[in-house]
Amino acid sequence: MPHVAWLQDRLKDGSLIASGPFTGTAVKSALLIMNAPDRAVLDRLIASDPFAEHELIENMVVSEWDPIFGAFNNQSTMPGQMQGG
């Protein structure tokens, strides 16, 4: 499936950190945690997704996130900090 290949390529290049479908929803949807230096780069990445190219993305919400606590702390503005002791 082209979308899955796109996801795998994004994992390899580091622009995708994690992804997966939401469960128990009436409409098929997913969460993608992406890594991009700015919104323009992110928009270009998403535009290259076969789902976007075939206009299969009905709705998209983009929010910047700073994972200070937990598994993604190494990608935060405070890597190695705030992890407890």
N, C-alpha and C. Protein backbone atom coordinates (compact mmCIF):
# COMPACT_ATOMS: atom_id res chain seq x y z
N MET A 1 0.85 -1.18 0.00
CA MET A 1 0.00 0.00 0.00
C MET A 1 0.90 1.25 0.00
N PRO A 2 0.69 2.18 -0.91
CA PRO A 2 1.55 3.35 -1.02
C PRO A 2 1.62 4.21 0.25
N HIS A 3 0.51 4.35 0.96
CA HIS A 3 0.52 5.15 2.19
C HIS A 3 1.43 4.50 3.25
N VAL A 4 1.37 3.19 3.38
CA VAL A 4 2.22 2.49 4.34
C VAL A 4 3.70 2.65 3.95
N ALA A 5 4.00 2.55 2.67
CA ALA A 5 5.38 2.76 2.21
C ALA A 5 5.83 4.18 2.52
N TRP A 6 4.93 5.15 2.36
CA TRP A 6 5.25 6.55 2.69
C TRP A 6 5.56 6.68 4.18
N LEU A 7 4.73 6.05 5.03
CA LEU A 7 4.98 6.07 6.48
C LEU A 7 6.34 5.45 6.81
N GLN A 8 6.64 4.32 6.20
CA GLN A 8 7.92 3.65 6.45
C GLN A 8 9.10 4.53 6.02
N ASP A 9 8.95 5.21 4.89
CA ASP A 9 10.00 6.12 4.44
C ASP A 9 10.17 7.29 5.41
N ARG A 10 9.07 7.80 5.94
CA ARG A 10 9.14 8.90 6.91
C ARG A 10 9.80 8.44 8.21
N LEU A 11 9.55 7.20 8.61
CA LEU A 11 10.25 6.66 9.79
C LEU A 11 11.76 6.62 9.54
N LYS A 12 12.14 6.15 8.36
CA LYS A 12 13.56 6.05 8.02
C LYS A 12 14.25 7.40 7.99
N ASP A 13 13.56 8.43 7.47
CA ASP A 13 14.21 9.75 7.37
C ASP A 13 14.06 10.57 8.65
N GLY A 14 13.34 10.04 9.64
CA GLY A 14 13.21 10.71 10.92
C GLY A 14 12.11 11.74 11.03
N SER A 15 11.36 11.93 9.96
CA SER A 15 10.29 12.93 10.02
C SER A 15 9.02 12.40 10.68
N LEU A 16 8.89 11.07 10.77
CA LEU A 16 7.77 10.47 11.50
C LEU A 16 8.31 9.81 12.75
N ILE A 17 7.74 10.20 13.88
CA ILE A 17 8.18 9.62 15.16
C ILE A 17 7.29 8.44 15.53
N ALA A 18 5.99 8.58 15.34
CA ALA A 18 5.05 7.51 15.64
C ALA A 18 3.76 7.77 14.89
N SER A 19 3.03 6.70 14.61
CA SER A 19 1.74 6.82 13.93
C SER A 19 0.90 5.60 14.21
N GLY A 20 -0.39 5.78 14.14
CA GLY A 20 -1.30 4.66 14.28
C GLY A 20 -2.74 5.13 14.21
N PRO A 21 -3.64 4.18 13.94
CA PRO A 21 -5.05 4.54 13.81
C PRO A 21 -5.72 4.74 15.16
N PHE A 22 -6.73 5.58 15.18
CA PHE A 22 -7.60 5.69 16.34
C PHE A 22 -8.52 4.48 16.31
N THR A 23 -8.87 3.97 17.46
CA THR A 23 -9.76 2.81 17.52
C THR A 23 -11.14 3.25 17.99
N GLY A 24 -12.15 2.50 17.57
CA GLY A 24 -13.52 2.76 18.00
C GLY A 24 -14.12 4.02 17.43
N THR A 25 -13.64 4.48 16.30
CA THR A 25 -14.20 5.68 15.68
C THR A 25 -15.04 5.31 14.47
N ALA A 26 -16.05 6.11 14.21
CA ALA A 26 -16.93 5.85 13.07
C ALA A 26 -16.22 6.12 11.75
N VAL A 27 -15.32 7.08 11.75
CA VAL A 27 -14.57 7.45 10.55
C VAL A 27 -13.12 7.02 10.75
N LYS A 28 -12.56 6.37 9.76
CA LYS A 28 -11.17 5.93 9.85
C LYS A 28 -10.27 7.15 9.98
N SER A 29 -9.46 7.16 11.03
CA SER A 29 -8.57 8.30 11.26
C SER A 29 -7.34 7.82 12.03
N ALA A 30 -6.32 8.67 12.06
CA ALA A 30 -5.06 8.29 12.69
C ALA A 30 -4.37 9.51 13.28
N LEU A 31 -3.40 9.22 14.13
CA LEU A 31 -2.53 10.25 14.70
C LEU A 31 -1.13 10.04 14.14
N LEU A 32 -0.53 11.10 13.67
CA LEU A 32 0.85 11.07 13.23
C LEU A 32 1.63 12.07 14.08
N ILE A 33 2.68 11.61 14.72
CA ILE A 33 3.57 12.50 15.45
C ILE A 33 4.77 12.71 14.55
N MET A 34 4.89 13.91 14.05
CA MET A 34 5.90 14.24 13.04
C MET A 34 6.97 15.14 13.63
N ASN A 35 8.13 15.13 13.00
CA ASN A 35 9.24 15.99 13.36
C ASN A 35 9.61 16.81 12.13
N ALA A 36 9.46 18.13 12.23
CA ALA A 36 9.79 19.01 11.11
C ALA A 36 10.30 20.33 11.69
N PRO A 37 11.24 20.97 10.99
CA PRO A 37 11.79 22.22 11.51
C PRO A 37 10.79 23.38 11.52
N ASP A 38 9.79 23.32 10.65
CA ASP A 38 8.79 24.38 10.62
C ASP A 38 7.54 23.89 9.90
N ARG A 39 6.50 24.70 9.92
CA ARG A 39 5.20 24.32 9.36
C ARG A 39 5.27 24.11 7.85
N ALA A 40 6.06 24.92 7.16
CA ALA A 40 6.16 24.77 5.70
C ALA A 40 6.72 23.40 5.32
N VAL A 41 7.73 22.95 6.04
CA VAL A 41 8.32 21.62 5.78
C VAL A 41 7.28 20.54 6.09
N LEU A 42 6.59 20.68 7.21
CA LEU A 42 5.55 19.72 7.56
C LEU A 42 4.47 19.66 6.47
N ASP A 43 4.03 20.80 6.00
CA ASP A 43 3.00 20.84 4.96
C ASP A 43 3.48 20.13 3.69
N ARG A 44 4.74 20.30 3.33
CA ARG A 44 5.28 19.61 2.15
C ARG A 44 5.34 18.10 2.38
N LEU A 45 5.72 17.70 3.58
CA LEU A 45 5.75 16.26 3.90
C LEU A 45 4.36 15.66 3.76
N ILE A 46 3.37 16.29 4.40
CA ILE A 46 2.00 15.78 4.34
C ILE A 46 1.49 15.77 2.90
N ALA A 47 1.80 16.78 2.13
CA ALA A 47 1.36 16.85 0.73
C ALA A 47 1.92 15.70 -0.10
N SER A 48 3.06 15.13 0.33
CA SER A 48 3.66 14.02 -0.42
C SER A 48 3.07 12.66 -0.04
N ASP A 49 2.22 12.61 0.98
CA ASP A 49 1.53 11.38 1.39
C ASP A 49 0.54 10.99 0.29
N PRO A 50 0.56 9.75 -0.16
CA PRO A 50 -0.41 9.32 -1.18
C PRO A 50 -1.87 9.61 -0.78
N PHE A 51 -2.19 9.55 0.51
CA PHE A 51 -3.55 9.90 0.93
C PHE A 51 -3.86 11.35 0.58
N ALA A 52 -2.89 12.24 0.76
CA ALA A 52 -3.08 13.66 0.41
C ALA A 52 -3.13 13.83 -1.10
N GLU A 53 -2.23 13.15 -1.80
CA GLU A 53 -2.20 13.26 -3.27
C GLU A 53 -3.51 12.82 -3.90
N HIS A 54 -4.19 11.86 -3.28
CA HIS A 54 -5.47 11.37 -3.81
C HIS A 54 -6.67 11.96 -3.09
N GLU A 55 -6.42 13.06 -2.37
CA GLU A 55 -7.46 13.81 -1.67
C GLU A 55 -8.30 12.94 -0.75
N LEU A 56 -7.63 12.06 -0.01
CA LEU A 56 -8.32 11.17 0.93
C LEU A 56 -8.28 11.69 2.37
N ILE A 57 -7.61 12.82 2.58
CA ILE A 57 -7.59 13.43 3.91
C ILE A 57 -8.73 14.43 3.99
N GLU A 58 -9.74 14.10 4.79
CA GLU A 58 -10.91 14.96 4.91
C GLU A 58 -10.69 16.10 5.89
N ASN A 59 -9.98 15.81 6.97
CA ASN A 59 -9.80 16.79 8.03
C ASN A 59 -8.44 16.56 8.66
N MET A 60 -7.75 17.65 8.96
CA MET A 60 -6.44 17.52 9.58
C MET A 60 -6.28 18.65 10.59
N VAL A 61 -5.81 18.29 11.77
CA VAL A 61 -5.50 19.27 12.81
C VAL A 61 -4.01 19.18 13.07
N VAL A 62 -3.34 20.30 13.02
CA VAL A 62 -1.90 20.34 13.28
C VAL A 62 -1.68 21.16 14.54
N SER A 63 -0.98 20.56 15.50
CA SER A 63 -0.64 21.26 16.74
C SER A 63 0.82 21.00 17.06
N GLU A 64 1.53 22.05 17.47
CA GLU A 64 2.90 21.86 17.90
C GLU A 64 2.88 21.31 19.32
N TRP A 65 3.77 20.36 19.61
CA TRP A 65 3.77 19.66 20.89
C TRP A 65 5.20 19.58 21.41
N ASP A 66 5.37 19.82 22.69
CA ASP A 66 6.68 19.74 23.33
C ASP A 66 6.64 18.62 24.37
N PRO A 67 7.11 17.42 24.03
CA PRO A 67 7.00 16.25 24.92
C PRO A 67 8.03 16.26 26.06
N ILE A 68 7.84 17.15 26.99
CA ILE A 68 8.79 17.31 28.09
C ILE A 68 8.85 16.05 28.96
N PHE A 69 7.73 15.40 29.19
CA PHE A 69 7.69 14.21 30.05
C PHE A 69 7.48 12.95 29.21
N GLY A 70 8.20 11.89 29.53
CA GLY A 70 7.92 10.59 28.95
C GLY A 70 8.85 10.16 27.84
N ALA A 71 8.34 9.21 27.06
CA ALA A 71 9.14 8.48 26.08
C ALA A 71 9.76 9.35 24.99
N PHE A 72 9.16 10.48 24.69
CA PHE A 72 9.67 11.33 23.61
C PHE A 72 10.46 12.53 24.13
N ASN A 73 10.85 12.50 25.41
CA ASN A 73 11.57 13.62 26.01
C ASN A 73 12.82 14.01 25.23
N ASN A 74 13.49 13.04 24.62
CA ASN A 74 14.71 13.34 23.87
C ASN A 74 14.44 14.28 22.69
N GLN A 75 13.16 14.45 22.31
CA GLN A 75 12.79 15.34 21.21
C GLN A 75 12.21 16.66 21.72
N SER A 76 12.26 16.87 23.04
CA SER A 76 11.65 18.06 23.63
C SER A 76 12.64 19.22 23.70
N THR A 77 12.15 20.35 24.22
CA THR A 77 13.01 21.49 24.45
C THR A 77 13.85 21.30 25.71
N MET A 78 13.57 20.21 26.46
CA MET A 78 14.28 19.95 27.71
C MET A 78 14.77 18.50 27.77
N PRO A 79 15.54 18.05 26.75
CA PRO A 79 15.97 16.65 26.76
C PRO A 79 16.81 16.33 27.99
N GLY A 80 16.48 15.17 28.59
CA GLY A 80 17.22 14.71 29.75
C GLY A 80 16.80 15.36 31.06
N GLN A 81 15.86 16.27 30.99
CA GLN A 81 15.40 16.96 32.18
C GLN A 81 13.96 16.54 32.51
N MET A 82 13.52 16.84 33.69
CA MET A 82 12.12 16.66 34.11
C MET A 82 11.66 15.21 34.08
N GLN A 83 12.59 14.26 34.14
CA GLN A 83 12.24 12.86 34.06
C GLN A 83 12.03 12.20 35.42
N GLY A 84 12.20 12.95 36.46
CA GLY A 84 12.03 12.37 37.79
C GLY A 84 13.36 11.84 38.32
N GLY A 85 13.32 11.32 39.50
CA GLY A 85 14.59 10.90 40.05
C GLY A 85 14.49 9.73 40.86
